[in-house]
Amino acid sequence: MNYVTPIGFRDIMGAEAKVREELTSKVRALLDAKRYRPIETPTLEVLDVMKAGGHVPNSPFKFFDSYGDLLAMRPDVTMQVARMCATRVDSFDEPLRLRYAQRVFRADTAEAEKREVSQLGIEFIGASGVQADIEVLSLFAQCLEACNLTNYTIALGSARVLRDLLSKSGGSDEWQRKVMQAYHESNFVDLAKLVAEGDAMPAVASAIGALPRLRGGKESLAKVRDLLIPLGATEGLDELEAIVDALEANKNFSGQVNIDFSVMSSFDYYTGIVFEAYAPGLGSPLGAGGRYDNLLASYGAGTVPSAGFAFYLEEVMEAYSVEQHHATHPLRVAVPKGSLNEDAVACLKDAGLDVSGLIDSGRTLMMTSGDVEYIIVRPTDAPVFVATGAADCGICGEDSLVEANHDVVELVDLKFGGCRFVVAEQAGSTERVERRYSELGSIRIATKYPNITRAHFGKVGMQVEIVQLHGNIELGPITGMAERIVDITATGTTLRENNLVVVEDVLASTARFFANPCAFRTNPRVGELADALSANVKED
């Protein structure tokens, strides 16, 4: 028998365990000195309780207990603390300062070994205003530095600015929901489409679309103000500017802060400032936090001003290792092989990059041209190279991004490599397929793309059984293995030759330029390349 731990879970021994213990002790002592008191929350939480607090990303591990309740292994501690305080604290006249060091669990991650991670954080419950936000931000920086980090950046934005704009937009509830989703997923290609095609007031929609591009030092606040003044939506910005001014005057704060309105946590409970910390050379954020004044109200406590942060011990330790070894490299771009390669190389050249090494590269997998490193990969592999930080940015089809479902920032629709995903069945089989669905409540779908397929049928509310194949998808209906298929088609020739007909469209895909979230927010060259690529996109 092979005695192994589950994928994503591991044993920790020896020197690593000792370092983890020492760092945790340092952080605990720092927070104790600031009057933050320890709390513990259960590993399992009723899933509906978690969902009451807001969007729960990355579907946590789920279990049914003996009472029939659907439980989840916690992906987040803040919602648990909100639930605990709302149900067990009678008054918040005296603010609560709480700290924790616990494990959290993530079901979907590009790095399979990080499904269980150690999270250290605080919650400051019952305090509002600039001084409370400054306390939280300052402690965030002090905790990172207590873990020996010196080279990190805090990206600081405001959920309130975006929420105020949405409230003034006149857009439908569905449009506003999709805009928030695009921000949460860092999908600024979808955001641009929503801004262009939505039902909101054009001036407000334009401002919503422009916000993620307004990034940099304190001077970027002036650009945001110019955008918001005509719309009467400056209150959130006033609050953010006061925080930045106070940080500059705070002798206890030595962190590097960049204004970044593209920052929006995957948790949707934030109402004021939001921030994330990044270290150069690391593929994932060190941690994040912000203000969430309405979260306790989700659990019946009314509005209680609250803020906090959390960081991952594993990421901080890895960042320190990178910092010590000075592991830096030039801008690294993942370039797709195959049918996308020629157009990808051409658009990189048009953007001003030296692509001489990419011309007739043969079997070379990695090369340097000028001051750029290129990794030549399959389009389906590009998302994982970028999500893990092995590449700073890359190009692949939207289909590869949707199927991989990794944490990346989608920046530019490059408008080439167009194809579409369709649902197809044998000609004349519609009545038989519908009868099967009526009798069994499900049909079988053969596909190479289980995530795209699952997402599509989830949207239309249809129960399906996915049969994953790696080639010759058309054989599914022909052999009776499946009733329908989900596959790519350009001309439809292969479908017609196999007596298959299109039932519905799933996804129209074109090539995308995308980036690692950390590289996007710490390496200005990524944003510059995105702007250059966008300027040269050939419109339809």
Protein backbone atom coordinates (compact mmCIF):
# COMPACT_ATOMS: atom_id res chain seq x y z
CA MET A 1 0.00 0.00 0.00
CA ASN A 2 1.27 3.49 -0.89
CA TYR A 3 0.89 5.65 2.24
CA VAL A 4 0.51 9.20 0.94
CA THR A 5 -1.30 12.35 2.01
CA PRO A 6 -4.26 13.61 -0.08
CA ILE A 7 -3.40 15.86 -3.00
CA GLY A 8 -2.92 19.39 -1.72
CA PHE A 9 -2.26 18.36 1.89
CA ARG A 10 1.18 17.65 3.31
CA ASP A 11 3.20 16.88 6.40
CA ILE A 12 5.49 19.60 7.81
CA MET A 13 8.61 18.58 9.67
CA GLY A 14 12.03 19.69 10.87
CA ALA A 15 13.43 23.10 9.99
CA GLU A 16 10.32 24.20 8.11
CA ALA A 17 8.05 23.42 11.06
CA LYS A 18 10.42 25.34 13.35
CA VAL A 19 10.40 28.43 11.12
CA ARG A 20 6.61 28.37 10.86
CA GLU A 21 6.35 28.18 14.65
CA GLU A 22 8.78 31.07 15.12
CA LEU A 23 7.06 33.33 12.60
CA THR A 24 3.64 32.59 14.05
CA SER A 25 4.97 33.41 17.52
CA LYS A 26 6.38 36.73 16.31
CA VAL A 27 3.07 37.73 14.76
CA ARG A 28 1.14 36.61 17.82
CA ALA A 29 3.38 38.67 20.12
CA LEU A 30 3.04 41.74 17.89
CA LEU A 31 -0.74 41.51 17.85
CA ASP A 32 -0.93 40.77 21.57
CA ALA A 33 1.01 43.98 22.23
CA LYS A 34 -1.65 45.83 20.20
CA ARG A 35 -4.42 44.34 22.39
CA TYR A 36 -5.72 41.84 19.82
CA ARG A 37 -7.10 38.77 21.56
CA PRO A 38 -7.12 35.20 20.18
CA ILE A 39 -10.16 33.45 18.77
CA GLU A 40 -10.74 30.10 17.10
CA THR A 41 -13.49 29.13 14.69
CA PRO A 42 -14.57 25.63 13.63
CA THR A 43 -12.96 23.90 10.66
CA LEU A 44 -16.41 23.05 9.28
CA GLU A 45 -19.22 25.54 8.77
CA VAL A 46 -22.75 25.10 7.46
CA LEU A 47 -22.41 26.10 3.79
CA ASP A 48 -25.60 28.18 3.80
CA VAL A 49 -24.18 30.16 6.74
CA MET A 50 -21.07 30.95 4.71
CA LYS A 51 -23.15 31.91 1.67
CA ALA A 52 -25.28 34.25 3.79
CA GLY A 53 -22.18 36.42 4.20
CA GLY A 54 -21.54 36.73 0.48
CA HIS A 55 -19.92 34.99 -2.46
CA VAL A 56 -17.82 31.97 -1.45
CA PRO A 57 -15.12 31.50 -4.11
CA ASN A 58 -13.35 28.36 -5.20
CA SER A 59 -16.02 25.92 -4.06
CA PRO A 60 -14.76 24.69 -0.68
CA PHE A 61 -14.72 21.01 0.23
CA LYS A 62 -18.25 19.93 1.09
CA PHE A 63 -19.69 17.18 3.29
CA PHE A 64 -23.11 16.03 4.45
CA ASP A 65 -23.18 15.28 8.17
CA SER A 66 -25.41 12.75 9.92
CA TYR A 67 -28.09 15.42 10.38
CA GLY A 68 -28.31 16.12 6.66
CA ASP A 69 -26.60 19.53 6.83
CA LEU A 70 -24.27 20.46 3.98
CA LEU A 71 -20.99 21.55 5.56
CA ALA A 72 -17.93 23.25 4.09
CA MET A 73 -14.31 23.32 5.20
CA ARG A 74 -13.69 27.02 5.77
CA PRO A 75 -12.19 28.91 2.79
CA ASP A 76 -12.24 32.13 4.83
CA VAL A 77 -12.21 33.10 8.51
CA THR A 78 -13.75 36.59 8.26
CA MET A 79 -17.27 35.33 7.55
CA GLN A 80 -17.00 32.95 10.49
CA VAL A 81 -15.91 35.78 12.79
CA ALA A 82 -18.81 37.90 11.54
CA ARG A 83 -21.24 35.09 12.25
CA MET A 84 -19.74 34.52 15.70
CA CYS A 85 -19.80 38.20 16.70
CA ALA A 86 -23.30 38.81 15.30
CA THR A 87 -24.76 35.91 17.28
CA ARG A 88 -22.73 36.07 20.50
CA VAL A 89 -21.81 39.71 21.15
CA ASP A 90 -24.50 41.95 22.67
CA SER A 91 -22.86 45.34 22.15
CA PHE A 92 -20.12 46.84 20.01
CA ASP A 93 -19.88 50.10 21.97
CA GLU A 94 -16.37 48.95 22.85
CA PRO A 95 -14.63 47.76 19.64
CA LEU A 96 -13.37 44.18 19.50
CA ARG A 97 -9.81 43.46 18.44
CA LEU A 98 -9.51 39.80 17.44
CA ARG A 99 -6.65 37.74 16.00
CA TYR A 100 -6.38 34.20 14.68
CA ALA A 101 -3.95 31.67 13.20
CA GLN A 102 -5.87 28.89 11.47
CA ARG A 103 -5.89 26.61 8.45
CA VAL A 104 -8.16 27.44 5.51
CA PHE A 105 -9.01 25.21 2.57
CA ARG A 106 -9.19 25.94 -1.14
CA ALA A 107 -10.58 23.41 -3.58
CA ASP A 108 -9.42 25.02 -6.85
CA THR A 109 -5.88 26.27 -7.23
CA ALA A 110 -3.21 26.21 -9.92
CA GLU A 111 -0.76 24.95 -7.32
CA ALA A 112 -2.17 21.60 -6.21
CA GLU A 113 -0.01 21.48 -3.07
CA LYS A 114 -1.76 24.57 -1.67
CA ARG A 115 -5.25 23.31 -0.98
CA GLU A 116 -4.63 23.65 2.76
CA VAL A 117 -2.85 26.84 3.88
CA SER A 118 -2.15 28.62 7.17
CA GLN A 119 -3.88 31.96 7.49
CA LEU A 120 -2.94 34.58 10.09
CA GLY A 121 -5.11 37.65 10.48
CA ILE A 122 -7.08 40.15 12.52
CA GLU A 123 -10.62 41.53 12.65
CA PHE A 124 -11.30 44.99 14.12
CA ILE A 125 -15.04 44.94 14.89
CA GLY A 126 -17.03 48.03 15.87
CA ALA A 127 -14.57 50.75 14.76
CA SER A 128 -15.01 53.09 11.82
CA GLY A 129 -13.13 55.97 10.26
CA VAL A 130 -9.70 56.68 8.87
CA GLN A 131 -7.85 55.88 12.11
CA ALA A 132 -9.33 52.37 12.25
CA ASP A 133 -8.32 51.74 8.64
CA ILE A 134 -4.83 53.07 9.34
CA GLU A 135 -4.49 50.72 12.31
CA VAL A 136 -5.41 47.73 10.16
CA LEU A 137 -3.11 48.70 7.27
CA SER A 138 -0.21 49.48 9.60
CA LEU A 139 -0.56 46.17 11.40
CA PHE A 140 -0.68 44.37 8.07
CA ALA A 141 2.68 45.86 7.11
CA GLN A 142 4.15 45.23 10.57
CA CYS A 143 3.12 41.57 10.46
CA LEU A 144 4.76 41.08 7.05
CA GLU A 145 7.93 42.72 8.35
CA ALA A 146 7.83 40.59 11.50
CA CYS A 147 8.06 37.66 9.08
CA ASN A 148 11.32 39.16 7.74
CA LEU A 149 9.92 40.65 4.52
CA THR A 150 11.28 43.98 3.32
CA ASN A 151 10.44 43.96 -0.41
CA TYR A 152 6.68 43.98 -0.86
CA THR A 153 3.97 46.25 -2.27
CA ILE A 154 0.49 46.92 -0.92
CA ALA A 155 -2.02 47.60 -3.69
CA LEU A 156 -4.75 49.83 -2.23
CA GLY A 157 -8.16 50.46 -3.77
CA SER A 158 -11.74 51.15 -2.77
CA ALA A 159 -14.83 49.00 -3.14
CA ARG A 160 -16.89 52.03 -2.08
CA VAL A 161 -15.90 54.00 -5.19
CA LEU A 162 -17.08 51.17 -7.43
CA ARG A 163 -20.27 50.57 -5.44
CA ASP A 164 -21.13 54.29 -5.53
CA LEU A 165 -20.67 54.35 -9.30
CA LEU A 166 -22.86 51.27 -9.72
CA SER A 167 -25.60 52.87 -7.63
CA LYS A 168 -25.56 55.90 -9.93
CA SER A 169 -25.27 53.91 -13.16
CA GLY A 170 -28.95 53.26 -13.85
CA GLY A 171 -27.89 49.81 -15.04
CA SER A 172 -30.04 46.75 -14.42
CA ASP A 173 -29.40 44.58 -11.37
CA GLU A 174 -28.09 41.86 -13.68
CA TRP A 175 -25.68 44.27 -15.38
CA GLN A 176 -24.40 45.49 -12.01
CA ARG A 177 -23.96 41.90 -10.84
CA LYS A 178 -21.92 41.06 -13.94
CA VAL A 179 -19.74 44.14 -13.47
CA MET A 180 -18.96 43.11 -9.90
CA GLN A 181 -18.23 39.58 -11.09
CA ALA A 182 -15.81 40.89 -13.74
CA TYR A 183 -13.97 42.87 -11.04
CA HIS A 184 -13.88 39.90 -8.65
CA GLU A 185 -12.46 37.69 -11.42
CA SER A 186 -10.05 40.40 -12.69
CA ASN A 187 -11.57 39.91 -16.14
CA PHE A 188 -11.17 43.35 -17.67
CA VAL A 189 -11.96 42.07 -21.16
CA ASP A 190 -15.47 41.13 -20.02
CA LEU A 191 -15.67 44.45 -18.16
CA ALA A 192 -14.93 46.37 -21.36
CA LYS A 193 -17.72 44.47 -23.14
CA LEU A 194 -20.18 45.17 -20.34
CA VAL A 195 -19.30 48.87 -20.40
CA ALA A 196 -19.77 49.03 -24.18
CA GLU A 197 -22.92 46.94 -24.42
CA GLY A 198 -24.75 47.47 -21.11
CA ASP A 199 -27.85 49.50 -20.28
CA ALA A 200 -26.13 51.91 -17.86
CA MET A 201 -25.66 55.66 -18.26
CA PRO A 202 -22.73 56.01 -20.72
CA ALA A 203 -20.73 58.47 -18.59
CA VAL A 204 -20.92 56.29 -15.48
CA ALA A 205 -20.27 53.09 -17.41
CA SER A 206 -17.20 54.70 -18.98
CA ALA A 207 -15.88 55.64 -15.53
CA ILE A 208 -16.44 52.08 -14.27
CA GLY A 209 -14.46 50.76 -17.22
CA ALA A 210 -11.64 53.26 -16.74
CA LEU A 211 -11.08 52.64 -13.00
CA PRO A 212 -8.89 49.49 -13.32
CA ARG A 213 -6.44 51.36 -15.55
CA LEU A 214 -5.87 54.12 -12.97
CA ARG A 215 -2.94 52.69 -11.05
CA GLY A 216 0.27 54.10 -9.59
CA GLY A 217 1.39 56.51 -6.92
CA LYS A 218 -0.62 59.14 -5.08
CA GLU A 219 -0.80 61.22 -8.28
CA SER A 220 -3.24 58.66 -9.72
CA LEU A 221 -5.86 59.85 -7.19
CA ALA A 222 -6.05 63.15 -9.06
CA LYS A 223 -6.90 61.28 -12.26
CA VAL A 224 -9.62 59.35 -10.46
CA ARG A 225 -11.00 62.59 -9.01
CA ASP A 226 -11.22 64.13 -12.49
CA LEU A 227 -13.24 61.08 -13.49
CA LEU A 228 -15.62 61.17 -10.51
CA ILE A 229 -16.30 64.87 -9.91
CA PRO A 230 -18.72 65.25 -12.87
CA LEU A 231 -20.62 62.20 -11.60
CA GLY A 232 -20.94 63.37 -7.98
CA ALA A 233 -19.30 60.20 -6.68
CA THR A 234 -16.26 61.41 -4.76
CA GLU A 235 -17.07 60.38 -1.16
CA GLY A 236 -15.28 57.05 -1.41
CA LEU A 237 -12.30 58.76 -3.02
CA ASP A 238 -12.20 61.42 -0.26
CA GLU A 239 -12.04 58.59 2.26
CA LEU A 240 -9.25 56.82 0.35
CA GLU A 241 -7.21 60.01 -0.07
CA ALA A 242 -7.47 60.75 3.66
CA ILE A 243 -6.14 57.25 4.37
CA VAL A 244 -3.20 57.71 1.98
CA ASP A 245 -2.34 61.09 3.58
CA ALA A 246 -2.50 59.54 7.05
CA LEU A 247 -0.29 56.64 5.99
CA GLU A 248 2.35 59.06 4.73
CA ALA A 249 2.34 60.82 8.11
CA ASN A 250 2.33 57.58 10.13
CA LYS A 251 5.84 56.86 11.46
CA ASN A 252 4.85 53.26 12.22
CA PHE A 253 4.04 52.56 8.58
CA SER A 254 6.94 51.79 6.24
CA GLY A 255 5.15 49.77 3.58
CA GLN A 256 5.20 50.58 -0.14
CA VAL A 257 1.67 51.53 -1.24
CA ASN A 258 0.39 51.76 -4.81
CA ILE A 259 -3.09 53.03 -5.67
CA ASP A 260 -4.79 50.30 -7.67
CA PHE A 261 -8.50 50.27 -8.48
CA SER A 262 -8.16 46.90 -10.19
CA VAL A 263 -7.88 45.30 -6.73
CA MET A 264 -11.13 43.66 -5.72
CA SER A 265 -11.15 40.57 -3.51
CA SER A 266 -12.94 37.45 -4.71
CA PHE A 267 -15.05 37.83 -1.55
CA ASP A 268 -17.78 40.38 -2.25
CA TYR A 269 -18.42 41.66 1.29
CA TYR A 270 -16.02 44.63 1.16
CA THR A 271 -17.59 48.11 1.37
CA GLY A 272 -14.64 50.50 1.79
CA ILE A 273 -10.90 50.18 1.31
CA VAL A 274 -9.55 46.95 -0.16
CA PHE A 275 -5.90 46.00 -0.31
CA GLU A 276 -3.62 43.14 -1.34
CA ALA A 277 0.09 42.61 -0.72
CA TYR A 278 2.49 41.34 -3.39
CA ALA A 279 6.16 40.40 -3.44
CA PRO A 280 8.25 40.49 -6.64
CA GLY A 281 8.85 37.07 -8.14
CA LEU A 282 5.97 35.42 -6.28
CA GLY A 283 3.00 34.12 -8.25
CA SER A 284 0.32 34.62 -5.58
CA PRO A 285 -0.72 37.46 -3.24
CA LEU A 286 0.77 37.42 0.24
CA GLY A 287 -2.55 38.40 1.76
CA ALA A 288 -5.43 40.85 1.59
CA GLY A 289 -7.95 42.80 3.63
CA GLY A 290 -10.31 45.73 3.77
CA ARG A 291 -13.43 47.26 5.30
CA TYR A 292 -16.69 45.28 5.45
CA ASP A 293 -19.29 47.35 7.34
CA ASN A 294 -22.32 45.32 6.23
CA LEU A 295 -21.11 41.77 6.79
CA LEU A 296 -22.42 41.34 10.35
CA ALA A 297 -25.83 42.51 9.15
CA SER A 298 -25.97 39.33 7.03
CA TYR A 299 -26.12 37.44 10.34
CA GLY A 300 -28.71 39.65 12.02
CA ALA A 301 -26.57 42.13 13.94
CA GLY A 302 -27.33 45.28 11.97
CA THR A 303 -24.63 47.49 10.48
CA VAL A 304 -21.38 47.16 12.44
CA PRO A 305 -18.27 48.94 11.10
CA SER A 306 -15.52 46.37 10.67
CA ALA A 307 -12.17 45.87 8.97
CA GLY A 308 -9.41 43.28 8.92
CA PHE A 309 -6.74 41.44 7.00
CA ALA A 310 -5.29 37.97 6.56
CA PHE A 311 -2.10 36.62 5.04
CA TYR A 312 -0.84 33.18 4.13
CA LEU A 313 2.17 31.89 6.04
CA GLU A 314 3.31 29.71 3.13
CA GLU A 315 3.34 32.64 0.69
CA VAL A 316 5.26 34.86 3.11
CA MET A 317 7.90 32.18 3.64
CA GLU A 318 8.26 31.65 -0.11
CA ALA A 319 8.51 35.41 -0.70
CA TYR A 320 11.30 35.63 1.88
CA SER A 321 13.17 32.82 0.13
CA VAL A 322 12.86 34.59 -3.23
CA GLU A 323 14.00 37.85 -1.64
CA GLN A 324 17.05 36.19 -0.06
CA HIS A 325 18.14 34.52 -3.29
CA HIS A 326 17.47 37.57 -5.44
CA ALA A 327 15.61 35.29 -7.86
CA THR A 328 14.69 37.82 -10.52
CA HIS A 329 14.31 37.43 -14.27
CA PRO A 330 13.39 39.61 -17.24
CA LEU A 331 9.78 40.01 -18.32
CA ARG A 332 8.69 36.45 -19.06
CA VAL A 333 5.97 35.84 -21.65
CA ALA A 334 4.19 32.54 -22.37
CA VAL A 335 3.78 32.26 -26.15
CA PRO A 336 1.36 29.66 -27.59
CA LYS A 337 2.38 26.96 -30.01
CA GLY A 338 0.19 25.81 -32.87
CA SER A 339 -2.41 27.81 -34.75
CA LEU A 340 -2.16 30.85 -32.45
CA ASN A 341 1.61 31.14 -32.69
CA GLU A 342 2.05 33.21 -35.85
CA ASP A 343 -0.51 35.86 -34.88
CA ALA A 344 0.76 35.94 -31.29
CA VAL A 345 4.33 36.59 -32.42
CA ALA A 346 3.12 39.25 -34.86
CA CYS A 347 1.17 41.16 -32.22
CA LEU A 348 4.10 41.02 -29.78
CA LYS A 349 6.31 42.46 -32.52
CA ASP A 350 3.75 45.22 -33.23
CA ALA A 351 3.81 46.01 -29.50
CA GLY A 352 7.53 46.75 -29.73
CA LEU A 353 9.06 43.54 -28.38
CA ASP A 354 12.10 41.89 -29.92
CA VAL A 355 10.71 38.60 -31.28
CA SER A 356 13.68 37.65 -33.45
CA GLY A 357 14.29 34.51 -31.40
CA LEU A 358 10.70 33.38 -31.92
CA ILE A 359 10.96 33.28 -35.70
CA ASP A 360 11.66 29.70 -36.79
CA SER A 361 12.36 28.70 -33.19
CA GLY A 362 12.22 25.00 -34.03
CA ARG A 363 12.05 22.81 -30.92
CA THR A 364 13.37 25.48 -28.57
CA LEU A 365 11.13 25.79 -25.50
CA MET A 366 12.63 28.85 -23.81
CA MET A 367 14.69 31.72 -25.17
CA THR A 368 15.73 35.30 -24.54
CA SER A 369 15.30 38.03 -27.14
CA GLY A 370 16.48 41.46 -26.04
CA ASP A 371 15.21 42.03 -22.50
CA VAL A 372 12.33 39.54 -22.68
CA GLU A 373 12.24 35.81 -21.94
CA TYR A 374 9.80 33.70 -23.95
CA ILE A 375 8.37 30.34 -22.90
CA ILE A 376 6.82 28.44 -25.81
CA VAL A 377 3.93 26.33 -24.53
CA ARG A 378 0.72 24.68 -25.59
CA PRO A 379 -2.16 27.17 -25.38
CA THR A 380 -3.90 24.93 -22.84
CA ASP A 381 -0.82 25.08 -20.59
CA ALA A 382 -0.31 28.85 -20.77
CA PRO A 383 -2.78 29.62 -17.91
CA VAL A 384 -0.99 27.38 -15.41
CA PHE A 385 2.45 28.81 -16.29
CA VAL A 386 1.11 32.32 -15.67
CA ALA A 387 -1.04 31.51 -12.62
CA THR A 388 1.88 29.87 -10.80
CA GLY A 389 4.26 32.72 -11.64
CA ALA A 390 6.47 30.67 -13.98
CA ALA A 391 5.57 33.35 -16.55
CA ASP A 392 4.53 36.96 -15.90
CA CYS A 393 2.00 37.09 -18.71
CA GLY A 394 0.94 35.19 -21.79
CA ILE A 395 -1.36 34.65 -24.74
CA CYS A 396 -3.90 31.88 -25.29
CA GLY A 397 -7.51 31.44 -26.32
CA GLU A 398 -10.33 32.44 -24.01
CA ASP A 399 -11.40 28.79 -24.07
CA SER A 400 -8.12 27.77 -22.40
CA LEU A 401 -8.61 30.38 -19.68
CA VAL A 402 -12.19 29.31 -18.97
CA GLU A 403 -11.25 25.63 -18.93
CA ALA A 404 -8.23 26.16 -16.64
CA ASN A 405 -10.18 28.45 -14.28
CA HIS A 406 -7.02 29.82 -12.63
CA ASP A 407 -6.45 33.14 -10.87
CA VAL A 408 -5.17 35.42 -13.65
CA VAL A 409 -5.91 38.96 -14.85
CA GLU A 410 -7.51 39.09 -18.32
CA LEU A 411 -6.34 42.29 -19.98
CA VAL A 412 -6.77 42.41 -23.77
CA ASP A 413 -8.94 40.69 -26.36
CA LEU A 414 -6.48 40.30 -29.24
CA LYS A 415 -9.24 39.54 -31.76
CA PHE A 416 -7.49 36.69 -33.58
CA GLY A 417 -7.79 32.90 -33.35
CA GLY A 418 -11.57 33.04 -33.41
CA CYS A 419 -13.52 29.82 -32.88
CA ARG A 420 -16.73 28.81 -31.17
CA PHE A 421 -17.80 26.07 -28.81
CA VAL A 422 -21.07 24.35 -29.63
CA VAL A 423 -23.39 21.65 -28.39
CA ALA A 424 -24.01 19.12 -31.17
CA GLU A 425 -25.98 15.89 -31.60
CA GLN A 426 -26.68 13.33 -34.31
CA ALA A 427 -29.03 14.67 -36.97
CA GLY A 428 -32.60 13.63 -36.25
CA SER A 429 -31.94 12.62 -32.63
CA THR A 430 -33.52 15.59 -30.84
CA GLU A 431 -36.73 13.80 -29.90
CA ARG A 432 -34.83 10.77 -28.57
CA VAL A 433 -32.45 12.96 -26.54
CA GLU A 434 -35.29 14.99 -25.05
CA ARG A 435 -37.17 11.81 -24.16
CA ARG A 436 -34.10 10.47 -22.33
CA TYR A 437 -33.77 13.72 -20.41
CA SER A 438 -37.46 13.62 -19.48
CA GLU A 439 -37.22 10.02 -18.27
CA LEU A 440 -33.82 10.09 -16.52
CA GLY A 441 -33.37 13.77 -15.66
CA SER A 442 -29.94 13.83 -17.31
CA ILE A 443 -28.11 13.33 -20.59
CA ARG A 444 -24.50 12.40 -21.33
CA ILE A 445 -22.14 14.96 -22.89
CA ALA A 446 -18.82 13.91 -24.44
CA THR A 447 -16.15 16.62 -24.40
CA LYS A 448 -12.49 17.52 -23.94
CA TYR A 449 -13.61 20.57 -21.96
CA PRO A 450 -15.38 19.52 -18.74
CA ASN A 451 -15.21 22.94 -17.02
CA ILE A 452 -16.60 24.84 -20.02
CA THR A 453 -19.30 22.20 -20.40
CA ARG A 454 -20.19 22.19 -16.71
CA ALA A 455 -20.40 25.99 -16.62
CA HIS A 456 -22.62 26.16 -19.70
CA PHE A 457 -25.16 23.59 -18.57
CA GLY A 458 -25.10 25.06 -15.08
CA LYS A 459 -26.20 28.40 -16.55
CA VAL A 460 -29.05 26.86 -18.52
CA GLY A 461 -30.10 24.71 -15.54
CA MET A 462 -29.73 21.34 -17.26
CA GLN A 463 -28.44 18.24 -15.49
CA VAL A 464 -25.74 16.44 -17.48
CA GLU A 465 -23.24 13.62 -17.04
CA ILE A 466 -19.88 14.59 -18.50
CA VAL A 467 -17.89 11.96 -20.39
CA GLN A 468 -14.37 13.34 -20.74
CA LEU A 469 -12.49 12.29 -23.87
CA HIS A 470 -9.17 13.45 -25.32
CA GLY A 471 -9.89 13.11 -29.02
CA ASN A 472 -12.51 12.10 -31.62
CA ILE A 473 -15.33 13.63 -29.60
CA GLU A 474 -17.70 13.00 -32.53
CA LEU A 475 -17.62 9.27 -31.72
CA GLY A 476 -19.64 9.89 -28.54
CA PRO A 477 -23.08 10.13 -30.18
CA ILE A 478 -22.12 7.79 -33.03
CA THR A 479 -21.29 4.91 -30.66
CA GLY A 480 -24.04 5.68 -28.15
CA MET A 481 -21.53 6.65 -25.44
CA ALA A 482 -23.16 10.08 -25.18
CA GLU A 483 -26.21 11.87 -26.51
CA ARG A 484 -24.43 15.15 -27.31
CA ILE A 485 -20.98 16.67 -27.49
CA VAL A 486 -19.41 20.02 -26.61
CA ASP A 487 -16.53 20.84 -28.94
CA ILE A 488 -14.80 23.57 -30.92
CA THR A 489 -15.87 24.26 -34.48
CA ALA A 490 -14.67 26.79 -37.03
CA THR A 491 -16.44 25.80 -40.24
CA GLY A 492 -18.65 22.92 -39.09
CA THR A 493 -17.18 20.59 -41.73
CA THR A 494 -16.15 17.82 -39.31
CA LEU A 495 -19.59 17.89 -37.70
CA ARG A 496 -21.37 17.56 -41.06
CA GLU A 497 -19.07 14.75 -42.18
CA ASN A 498 -20.10 12.79 -39.08
CA ASN A 499 -23.84 13.57 -39.42
CA LEU A 500 -23.82 15.91 -36.41
CA VAL A 501 -25.78 19.16 -36.15
CA VAL A 502 -25.35 22.15 -33.86
CA VAL A 503 -28.00 22.43 -31.14
CA GLU A 504 -26.77 25.59 -29.40
CA ASP A 505 -23.75 27.85 -29.00
CA VAL A 506 -21.68 27.70 -25.82
CA LEU A 507 -18.81 30.16 -26.13
CA ALA A 508 -17.18 32.34 -28.77
CA SER A 509 -13.43 32.36 -28.16
CA THR A 510 -10.62 34.64 -29.33
CA ALA A 511 -7.02 35.02 -28.18
CA ARG A 512 -6.45 36.90 -24.92
CA PHE A 513 -3.46 38.61 -23.33
CA PHE A 514 -3.48 37.88 -19.60
CA ALA A 515 -1.15 38.22 -16.62
CA ASN A 516 -0.24 36.87 -13.24
CA PRO A 517 -1.94 39.05 -10.57
CA CYS A 518 1.34 39.65 -8.74
CA ALA A 519 3.33 40.48 -11.88
CA PHE A 520 0.55 42.81 -13.07
CA ARG A 521 0.73 44.78 -9.82
CA THR A 522 4.50 44.78 -9.22
CA ASN A 523 6.02 44.86 -12.71
CA PRO A 524 5.06 47.98 -14.70
CA ARG A 525 6.19 46.33 -17.92
CA VAL A 526 3.15 44.03 -17.85
CA GLY A 527 0.74 46.98 -17.92
CA GLU A 528 2.83 48.74 -20.56
CA LEU A 529 2.72 45.64 -22.77
CA ALA A 530 -1.04 45.37 -22.27
CA ASP A 531 -1.48 49.01 -23.36
CA ALA A 532 0.74 48.49 -26.42
CA LEU A 533 -1.12 45.34 -27.45
CA SER A 534 -4.49 47.03 -26.95
CA ALA A 535 -3.43 49.98 -29.12
CA ASN A 536 -2.61 47.64 -32.00
CA VAL A 537 -5.66 45.35 -31.87
CA LYS A 538 -7.27 45.02 -35.28
CA GLU A 539 -10.99 45.60 -34.79
CA ASP A 540 -13.51 43.43 -36.62
